[in-house]
Amino acid sequence: MILVLLGTQNNNFIRLLDELENCIKNQIINDEVIVQCGHTKFSSDYMELLDFIPVEEFNSFLEKADLIITHGGVGSIINSIKSGKKVIAVPRLSRFNEHVNDHQLQIIQTFDEQGFIKGVLDISLLPDALKDIDTFVPKPYISNNNGILKIVSDFIDSN
């Protein structure tokens, strides 16, 4: 199963859903596709579209998913890689009125360069990324909560 995450902000990402539907029609994707589409309004006979998903159901989908395809939101990326999933991320771009600026490009480039995800900066390359994802071995995500807690604790102790 493929879980697609479009986030919860009031931005659309029809461009990604159009490309995913093309990949399904062209049999590049043969798996069940569940989409958390947020505010993106889209109709499909090929994907299950859910506006917003309650946390327990979301966690169940995340656990079952073999692949996560997401926009470039940090929360979506971190949740996915923390779960040990393979992730393909595609940025929302300002020139398509999908976001106010192109910060998602930088987020995706950073996670991609560090080996956590496969970044797809040009949507026309999504079919290639899907074909290659089986051989992609993501770098495991290791949380540094202890380091952050120590910084906060040291700050509190010194003040």
N, C-alpha and C. Protein backbone atom coordinates (compact mmCIF):
# COMPACT_ATOMS: atom_id res chain seq x y z
N MET A 1 0.84 -1.17 0.00
CA MET A 1 0.00 0.00 0.00
C MET A 1 0.88 1.24 0.00
N ILE A 2 0.44 2.24 -0.74
CA ILE A 2 1.13 3.52 -0.80
C ILE A 2 0.27 4.55 -0.09
N LEU A 3 0.88 5.27 0.84
CA LEU A 3 0.20 6.35 1.55
C LEU A 3 0.75 7.67 1.02
N VAL A 4 -0.17 8.53 0.58
CA VAL A 4 0.21 9.83 0.05
C VAL A 4 -0.24 10.89 1.05
N LEU A 5 0.70 11.77 1.42
CA LEU A 5 0.44 12.80 2.42
C LEU A 5 0.57 14.19 1.81
N LEU A 6 -0.52 14.94 1.85
CA LEU A 6 -0.49 16.29 1.30
C LEU A 6 -0.58 17.36 2.38
N GLY A 7 -0.54 16.94 3.64
CA GLY A 7 -0.52 17.90 4.73
C GLY A 7 -1.88 18.47 5.05
N THR A 8 -1.87 19.42 5.98
CA THR A 8 -3.12 19.98 6.47
C THR A 8 -3.26 21.48 6.21
N GLN A 9 -2.24 22.10 5.64
CA GLN A 9 -2.35 23.53 5.35
C GLN A 9 -3.30 23.77 4.19
N ASN A 10 -3.79 24.98 4.09
CA ASN A 10 -4.78 25.32 3.07
C ASN A 10 -4.11 25.60 1.72
N ASN A 11 -3.45 24.58 1.18
CA ASN A 11 -2.80 24.66 -0.13
C ASN A 11 -3.18 23.42 -0.92
N ASN A 12 -3.37 23.58 -2.23
CA ASN A 12 -3.69 22.41 -3.04
C ASN A 12 -2.42 21.80 -3.63
N PHE A 13 -2.55 20.54 -4.04
CA PHE A 13 -1.42 19.87 -4.70
C PHE A 13 -1.96 18.91 -5.76
N ILE A 14 -2.81 19.46 -6.61
CA ILE A 14 -3.43 18.68 -7.68
C ILE A 14 -2.38 18.13 -8.63
N ARG A 15 -1.32 18.88 -8.84
CA ARG A 15 -0.25 18.46 -9.76
C ARG A 15 0.30 17.09 -9.37
N LEU A 16 0.52 16.85 -8.08
CA LEU A 16 1.02 15.55 -7.63
C LEU A 16 -0.02 14.46 -7.84
N LEU A 17 -1.27 14.74 -7.52
CA LEU A 17 -2.31 13.72 -7.68
C LEU A 17 -2.54 13.39 -9.14
N ASP A 18 -2.46 14.37 -10.02
CA ASP A 18 -2.56 14.10 -11.46
C ASP A 18 -1.45 13.13 -11.90
N GLU A 19 -0.23 13.38 -11.44
CA GLU A 19 0.90 12.53 -11.84
C GLU A 19 0.76 11.13 -11.26
N LEU A 20 0.30 11.03 -10.01
CA LEU A 20 0.08 9.70 -9.41
C LEU A 20 -0.98 8.93 -10.18
N GLU A 21 -2.06 9.61 -10.56
CA GLU A 21 -3.11 8.94 -11.33
C GLU A 21 -2.56 8.45 -12.67
N ASN A 22 -1.72 9.25 -13.32
CA ASN A 22 -1.08 8.81 -14.56
C ASN A 22 -0.22 7.58 -14.33
N CYS A 23 0.50 7.55 -13.21
CA CYS A 23 1.34 6.39 -12.89
C CYS A 23 0.51 5.13 -12.66
N ILE A 24 -0.65 5.31 -12.07
CA ILE A 24 -1.55 4.16 -11.87
C ILE A 24 -2.09 3.69 -13.23
N LYS A 25 -2.54 4.61 -14.04
CA LYS A 25 -3.09 4.26 -15.35
C LYS A 25 -2.04 3.58 -16.23
N ASN A 26 -0.78 4.01 -16.09
CA ASN A 26 0.31 3.42 -16.88
C ASN A 26 0.96 2.21 -16.19
N GLN A 27 0.35 1.74 -15.13
CA GLN A 27 0.76 0.55 -14.38
C GLN A 27 2.18 0.65 -13.80
N ILE A 28 2.62 1.86 -13.55
CA ILE A 28 3.86 2.06 -12.81
C ILE A 28 3.57 1.81 -11.34
N ILE A 29 2.37 2.21 -10.92
CA ILE A 29 1.86 1.90 -9.58
C ILE A 29 0.78 0.85 -9.72
N ASN A 30 0.95 -0.27 -9.00
CA ASN A 30 -0.04 -1.34 -9.00
C ASN A 30 -0.61 -1.58 -7.61
N ASP A 31 -0.14 -0.81 -6.64
CA ASP A 31 -0.57 -0.98 -5.26
C ASP A 31 -1.82 -0.14 -4.98
N GLU A 32 -2.46 -0.45 -3.88
CA GLU A 32 -3.54 0.39 -3.37
C GLU A 32 -2.92 1.73 -2.97
N VAL A 33 -3.61 2.83 -3.28
CA VAL A 33 -3.12 4.16 -2.96
C VAL A 33 -4.16 4.87 -2.11
N ILE A 34 -3.74 5.27 -0.91
CA ILE A 34 -4.59 6.03 0.00
C ILE A 34 -3.99 7.42 0.12
N VAL A 35 -4.82 8.44 -0.05
CA VAL A 35 -4.34 9.82 -0.05
C VAL A 35 -4.98 10.61 1.08
N GLN A 36 -4.14 11.20 1.92
CA GLN A 36 -4.60 12.20 2.87
C GLN A 36 -4.43 13.51 2.12
N CYS A 37 -5.55 14.03 1.58
CA CYS A 37 -5.45 15.16 0.66
C CYS A 37 -5.67 16.53 1.30
N GLY A 38 -6.06 16.58 2.55
CA GLY A 38 -6.22 17.88 3.20
C GLY A 38 -7.19 18.76 2.44
N HIS A 39 -6.72 19.92 2.02
CA HIS A 39 -7.58 20.89 1.33
C HIS A 39 -7.56 20.72 -0.19
N THR A 40 -6.82 19.75 -0.71
CA THR A 40 -6.79 19.53 -2.15
C THR A 40 -8.05 18.80 -2.57
N LYS A 41 -8.81 19.41 -3.44
CA LYS A 41 -10.05 18.80 -3.94
C LYS A 41 -9.72 18.07 -5.24
N PHE A 42 -9.99 16.77 -5.25
CA PHE A 42 -9.61 15.93 -6.38
C PHE A 42 -10.58 14.76 -6.42
N SER A 43 -10.87 14.27 -7.58
CA SER A 43 -11.73 13.11 -7.73
C SER A 43 -10.96 12.03 -8.49
N SER A 44 -11.06 10.78 -8.02
CA SER A 44 -10.30 9.71 -8.65
C SER A 44 -11.03 8.38 -8.50
N ASP A 45 -10.99 7.61 -9.55
CA ASP A 45 -11.49 6.23 -9.50
C ASP A 45 -10.37 5.27 -9.13
N TYR A 46 -9.14 5.78 -8.97
CA TYR A 46 -7.97 4.93 -8.78
C TYR A 46 -7.35 5.01 -7.39
N MET A 47 -7.70 6.07 -6.65
CA MET A 47 -7.10 6.28 -5.33
C MET A 47 -8.21 6.52 -4.32
N GLU A 48 -7.98 6.10 -3.08
CA GLU A 48 -8.90 6.41 -1.99
C GLU A 48 -8.48 7.76 -1.41
N LEU A 49 -9.38 8.74 -1.48
CA LEU A 49 -9.07 10.10 -1.06
C LEU A 49 -9.78 10.42 0.25
N LEU A 50 -8.98 10.83 1.24
CA LEU A 50 -9.51 11.21 2.54
C LEU A 50 -9.02 12.62 2.85
N ASP A 51 -9.94 13.52 3.19
CA ASP A 51 -9.52 14.90 3.47
C ASP A 51 -8.54 14.93 4.63
N PHE A 52 -9.01 14.51 5.79
CA PHE A 52 -8.19 14.48 7.00
C PHE A 52 -8.40 13.14 7.67
N ILE A 53 -7.37 12.62 8.29
CA ILE A 53 -7.41 11.28 8.88
C ILE A 53 -7.19 11.39 10.38
N PRO A 54 -8.10 10.82 11.18
CA PRO A 54 -7.87 10.82 12.64
C PRO A 54 -6.54 10.13 12.97
N VAL A 55 -5.91 10.55 14.06
CA VAL A 55 -4.56 10.10 14.41
C VAL A 55 -4.43 8.58 14.45
N GLU A 56 -5.37 7.88 15.09
CA GLU A 56 -5.25 6.42 15.19
C GLU A 56 -5.31 5.76 13.82
N GLU A 57 -6.20 6.24 12.96
CA GLU A 57 -6.31 5.70 11.61
C GLU A 57 -5.07 6.05 10.79
N PHE A 58 -4.57 7.27 10.96
CA PHE A 58 -3.36 7.69 10.28
C PHE A 58 -2.19 6.77 10.66
N ASN A 59 -2.03 6.53 11.95
CA ASN A 59 -0.94 5.67 12.42
C ASN A 59 -1.07 4.26 11.86
N SER A 60 -2.29 3.77 11.74
CA SER A 60 -2.52 2.44 11.15
C SER A 60 -2.10 2.42 9.68
N PHE A 61 -2.50 3.45 8.93
CA PHE A 61 -2.10 3.55 7.52
C PHE A 61 -0.58 3.64 7.40
N LEU A 62 0.03 4.44 8.26
CA LEU A 62 1.48 4.62 8.23
C LEU A 62 2.19 3.29 8.48
N GLU A 63 1.68 2.52 9.42
CA GLU A 63 2.28 1.22 9.74
C GLU A 63 2.15 0.24 8.58
N LYS A 64 1.02 0.25 7.89
CA LYS A 64 0.75 -0.69 6.79
C LYS A 64 1.46 -0.31 5.49
N ALA A 65 1.77 0.95 5.34
CA ALA A 65 2.31 1.45 4.07
C ALA A 65 3.69 0.87 3.77
N ASP A 66 3.89 0.52 2.50
CA ASP A 66 5.20 0.10 2.01
C ASP A 66 6.00 1.31 1.53
N LEU A 67 5.28 2.35 1.16
CA LEU A 67 5.90 3.55 0.61
C LEU A 67 5.06 4.75 1.00
N ILE A 68 5.73 5.85 1.33
CA ILE A 68 5.07 7.12 1.59
C ILE A 68 5.48 8.08 0.48
N ILE A 69 4.50 8.72 -0.13
CA ILE A 69 4.76 9.80 -1.08
C ILE A 69 4.18 11.04 -0.43
N THR A 70 5.01 12.06 -0.28
CA THR A 70 4.58 13.22 0.48
C THR A 70 5.00 14.53 -0.17
N HIS A 71 4.31 15.57 0.24
CA HIS A 71 4.75 16.93 -0.09
C HIS A 71 5.98 17.20 0.77
N GLY A 72 6.55 18.38 0.67
CA GLY A 72 7.79 18.68 1.38
C GLY A 72 7.60 19.24 2.78
N GLY A 73 6.52 18.87 3.44
CA GLY A 73 6.31 19.31 4.81
C GLY A 73 7.21 18.55 5.77
N VAL A 74 7.86 19.27 6.67
CA VAL A 74 8.79 18.64 7.61
C VAL A 74 8.08 17.59 8.47
N GLY A 75 6.88 17.91 8.96
CA GLY A 75 6.15 16.96 9.80
C GLY A 75 5.87 15.65 9.09
N SER A 76 5.41 15.74 7.86
CA SER A 76 5.11 14.53 7.08
C SER A 76 6.37 13.72 6.82
N ILE A 77 7.45 14.40 6.49
CA ILE A 77 8.71 13.70 6.21
C ILE A 77 9.25 13.04 7.48
N ILE A 78 9.31 13.79 8.57
CA ILE A 78 9.86 13.24 9.83
C ILE A 78 9.03 12.06 10.32
N ASN A 79 7.70 12.20 10.34
CA ASN A 79 6.85 11.07 10.78
C ASN A 79 7.10 9.83 9.94
N SER A 80 7.27 10.02 8.66
CA SER A 80 7.47 8.88 7.75
C SER A 80 8.82 8.21 7.95
N ILE A 81 9.88 9.01 8.05
CA ILE A 81 11.20 8.39 8.21
C ILE A 81 11.40 7.83 9.61
N LYS A 82 10.75 8.43 10.61
CA LYS A 82 10.79 7.86 11.96
C LYS A 82 10.17 6.48 11.99
N SER A 83 9.21 6.26 11.11
CA SER A 83 8.54 4.96 11.02
C SER A 83 9.33 3.96 10.20
N GLY A 84 10.49 4.38 9.69
CA GLY A 84 11.34 3.48 8.92
C GLY A 84 10.83 3.21 7.52
N LYS A 85 10.01 4.09 6.99
CA LYS A 85 9.42 3.89 5.66
C LYS A 85 10.29 4.50 4.57
N LYS A 86 10.17 3.94 3.39
CA LYS A 86 10.76 4.57 2.21
C LYS A 86 9.87 5.75 1.86
N VAL A 87 10.51 6.87 1.53
CA VAL A 87 9.77 8.10 1.29
C VAL A 87 10.22 8.73 -0.03
N ILE A 88 9.23 9.10 -0.82
CA ILE A 88 9.45 9.95 -1.99
C ILE A 88 8.77 11.26 -1.66
N ALA A 89 9.50 12.37 -1.77
CA ALA A 89 8.94 13.68 -1.47
C ALA A 89 9.00 14.57 -2.70
N VAL A 90 7.89 15.28 -2.92
CA VAL A 90 7.75 16.19 -4.05
C VAL A 90 7.37 17.56 -3.50
N PRO A 91 8.10 18.61 -3.84
CA PRO A 91 7.79 19.92 -3.27
C PRO A 91 6.60 20.61 -3.92
N ARG A 92 5.84 21.28 -3.09
CA ARG A 92 4.86 22.25 -3.59
C ARG A 92 5.68 23.45 -4.06
N LEU A 93 5.28 24.04 -5.17
CA LEU A 93 6.04 25.16 -5.73
C LEU A 93 5.18 26.41 -5.86
N SER A 94 5.79 27.53 -5.59
CA SER A 94 5.05 28.80 -5.63
C SER A 94 4.57 29.13 -7.05
N ARG A 95 5.33 28.77 -8.06
CA ARG A 95 4.93 29.14 -9.43
C ARG A 95 3.65 28.44 -9.88
N PHE A 96 3.26 27.37 -9.16
CA PHE A 96 1.99 26.69 -9.43
C PHE A 96 0.92 27.06 -8.39
N ASN A 97 1.22 28.09 -7.60
CA ASN A 97 0.32 28.54 -6.52
C ASN A 97 0.02 27.44 -5.52
N GLU A 98 1.02 26.60 -5.26
CA GLU A 98 0.86 25.51 -4.29
C GLU A 98 1.36 25.89 -2.91
N HIS A 99 2.13 26.98 -2.85
CA HIS A 99 2.65 27.48 -1.59
C HIS A 99 3.09 28.92 -1.80
N VAL A 100 3.38 29.62 -0.71
CA VAL A 100 3.76 31.03 -0.81
C VAL A 100 5.20 31.23 -1.29
N ASN A 101 6.05 30.22 -1.09
CA ASN A 101 7.43 30.28 -1.56
C ASN A 101 7.91 28.85 -1.83
N ASP A 102 9.18 28.70 -2.12
CA ASP A 102 9.72 27.39 -2.50
C ASP A 102 10.57 26.75 -1.41
N HIS A 103 10.24 27.00 -0.16
CA HIS A 103 11.02 26.42 0.95
C HIS A 103 10.99 24.89 0.94
N GLN A 104 9.93 24.28 0.37
CA GLN A 104 9.88 22.82 0.34
C GLN A 104 10.98 22.23 -0.54
N LEU A 105 11.43 22.97 -1.53
CA LEU A 105 12.58 22.52 -2.33
C LEU A 105 13.80 22.31 -1.44
N GLN A 106 14.08 23.29 -0.60
CA GLN A 106 15.26 23.22 0.29
C GLN A 106 15.11 22.09 1.30
N ILE A 107 13.91 21.93 1.85
CA ILE A 107 13.68 20.86 2.83
C ILE A 107 13.93 19.51 2.19
N ILE A 108 13.36 19.29 1.03
CA ILE A 108 13.51 18.00 0.35
C ILE A 108 14.95 17.76 -0.08
N GLN A 109 15.61 18.79 -0.60
CA GLN A 109 17.02 18.64 -0.99
C GLN A 109 17.87 18.22 0.20
N THR A 110 17.63 18.82 1.35
CA THR A 110 18.42 18.51 2.55
C THR A 110 18.22 17.06 2.98
N PHE A 111 16.97 16.62 3.08
CA PHE A 111 16.70 15.24 3.49
C PHE A 111 17.21 14.24 2.45
N ASP A 112 17.12 14.61 1.16
CA ASP A 112 17.60 13.74 0.08
C ASP A 112 19.13 13.62 0.13
N GLU A 113 19.81 14.75 0.26
CA GLU A 113 21.28 14.74 0.28
C GLU A 113 21.82 13.94 1.46
N GLN A 114 21.07 13.89 2.56
CA GLN A 114 21.50 13.13 3.73
C GLN A 114 21.09 11.66 3.64
N GLY A 115 20.36 11.29 2.59
CA GLY A 115 20.03 9.88 2.36
C GLY A 115 18.79 9.37 3.05
N PHE A 116 17.97 10.27 3.61
CA PHE A 116 16.77 9.83 4.31
C PHE A 116 15.61 9.53 3.37
N ILE A 117 15.54 10.26 2.25
CA ILE A 117 14.41 10.16 1.33
C ILE A 117 14.90 10.23 -0.11
N LYS A 118 13.98 9.96 -1.03
CA LYS A 118 14.20 10.24 -2.45
C LYS A 118 13.44 11.51 -2.77
N GLY A 119 14.15 12.56 -3.09
CA GLY A 119 13.51 13.81 -3.47
C GLY A 119 13.25 13.84 -4.96
N VAL A 120 12.06 14.27 -5.33
CA VAL A 120 11.69 14.41 -6.73
C VAL A 120 11.37 15.88 -6.95
N LEU A 121 12.34 16.63 -7.43
CA LEU A 121 12.17 18.07 -7.58
C LEU A 121 11.44 18.45 -8.86
N ASP A 122 11.44 17.54 -9.83
CA ASP A 122 10.73 17.73 -11.10
C ASP A 122 9.69 16.61 -11.19
N ILE A 123 8.43 16.96 -11.16
CA ILE A 123 7.35 15.97 -11.09
C ILE A 123 7.39 14.97 -12.25
N SER A 124 7.96 15.38 -13.39
CA SER A 124 8.03 14.45 -14.52
C SER A 124 8.95 13.27 -14.23
N LEU A 125 9.78 13.38 -13.17
CA LEU A 125 10.69 12.30 -12.80
C LEU A 125 10.09 11.35 -11.76
N LEU A 126 8.84 11.59 -11.35
CA LEU A 126 8.21 10.70 -10.38
C LEU A 126 8.12 9.25 -10.86
N PRO A 127 7.75 8.99 -12.12
CA PRO A 127 7.72 7.59 -12.57
C PRO A 127 9.07 6.90 -12.41
N ASP A 128 10.17 7.59 -12.70
CA ASP A 128 11.50 7.01 -12.54
C ASP A 128 11.79 6.71 -11.07
N ALA A 129 11.43 7.63 -10.19
CA ALA A 129 11.64 7.41 -8.75
C ALA A 129 10.85 6.20 -8.26
N LEU A 130 9.63 6.06 -8.77
CA LEU A 130 8.80 4.91 -8.38
C LEU A 130 9.40 3.59 -8.86
N LYS A 131 9.97 3.61 -10.05
CA LYS A 131 10.60 2.40 -10.59
C LYS A 131 11.86 2.03 -9.81
N ASP A 132 12.56 3.04 -9.27
CA ASP A 132 13.83 2.81 -8.57
C ASP A 132 13.70 2.65 -7.06
N ILE A 133 12.50 2.86 -6.51
CA ILE A 133 12.37 2.92 -5.06
C ILE A 133 12.68 1.59 -4.38
N ASP A 134 12.47 0.47 -5.06
CA ASP A 134 12.75 -0.83 -4.44
C ASP A 134 14.22 -0.99 -4.06
N THR A 135 15.11 -0.36 -4.82
CA THR A 135 16.54 -0.50 -4.53
C THR A 135 17.07 0.58 -3.59
N PHE A 136 16.23 1.55 -3.25
CA PHE A 136 16.63 2.64 -2.36
C PHE A 136 16.65 2.13 -0.92
N VAL A 137 17.77 2.34 -0.24
CA VAL A 137 17.89 1.98 1.17
C VAL A 137 18.05 3.29 1.95
N PRO A 138 16.99 3.71 2.64
CA PRO A 138 17.07 4.98 3.35
C PRO A 138 17.96 4.91 4.57
N LYS A 139 18.61 6.02 4.85
CA LYS A 139 19.40 6.15 6.07
C LYS A 139 18.42 6.14 7.25
N PRO A 140 18.70 5.36 8.28
CA PRO A 140 17.80 5.34 9.44
C PRO A 140 17.79 6.68 10.16
N TYR A 141 16.62 7.09 10.57
CA TYR A 141 16.48 8.35 11.31
C TYR A 141 16.68 8.08 12.79
N ILE A 142 17.60 8.82 13.40
CA ILE A 142 17.86 8.69 14.82
C ILE A 142 17.54 10.03 15.46
N SER A 143 16.54 10.02 16.33
CA SER A 143 16.12 11.24 17.00
C SER A 143 17.19 11.70 17.98
N ASN A 144 17.34 13.00 18.09
CA ASN A 144 18.32 13.56 19.02
C ASN A 144 17.61 14.29 20.16
N ASN A 145 16.52 13.68 20.65
CA ASN A 145 15.76 14.31 21.73
C ASN A 145 16.63 14.54 22.97
N ASN A 146 17.52 13.61 23.29
CA ASN A 146 18.36 13.76 24.48
C ASN A 146 19.25 15.00 24.38
N GLY A 147 19.76 15.27 23.20
CA GLY A 147 20.59 16.45 23.02
C GLY A 147 19.79 17.73 23.22
N ILE A 148 18.59 17.75 22.69
CA ILE A 148 17.73 18.92 22.85
C ILE A 148 17.34 19.09 24.31
N LEU A 149 16.99 17.99 24.98
CA LEU A 149 16.62 18.06 26.40
C LEU A 149 17.78 18.58 27.25
N LYS A 150 19.01 18.16 26.91
CA LYS A 150 20.18 18.63 27.66
C LYS A 150 20.37 20.14 27.47
N ILE A 151 20.19 20.62 26.26
CA ILE A 151 20.33 22.07 26.00
C ILE A 151 19.31 22.85 26.83
N VAL A 152 18.06 22.38 26.84
CA VAL A 152 17.02 23.06 27.61
C VAL A 152 17.33 22.98 29.10
N SER A 153 17.72 21.81 29.55
CA SER A 153 18.03 21.62 30.97
C SER A 153 19.20 22.52 31.40
N ASP A 154 20.26 22.56 30.60
CA ASP A 154 21.41 23.41 30.90
C ASP A 154 21.02 24.88 30.94
N PHE A 155 20.15 25.28 30.03
CA PHE A 155 19.69 26.66 30.00
C PHE A 155 18.90 27.01 31.26
N ILE A 156 18.01 26.12 31.65
CA ILE A 156 17.21 26.34 32.86
C ILE A 156 18.11 26.39 34.10
N ASP A 157 19.07 25.47 34.17
CA ASP A 157 19.98 25.42 35.32
C ASP A 157 20.84 26.68 35.42
N SER A 158 21.19 27.27 34.30
CA SER A 158 22.08 28.44 34.32
C SER A 158 21.34 29.75 34.53
N ASN A 159 20.03 29.70 34.52
CA ASN A 159 19.24 30.96 34.69
C ASN A 159 18.43 30.95 35.93
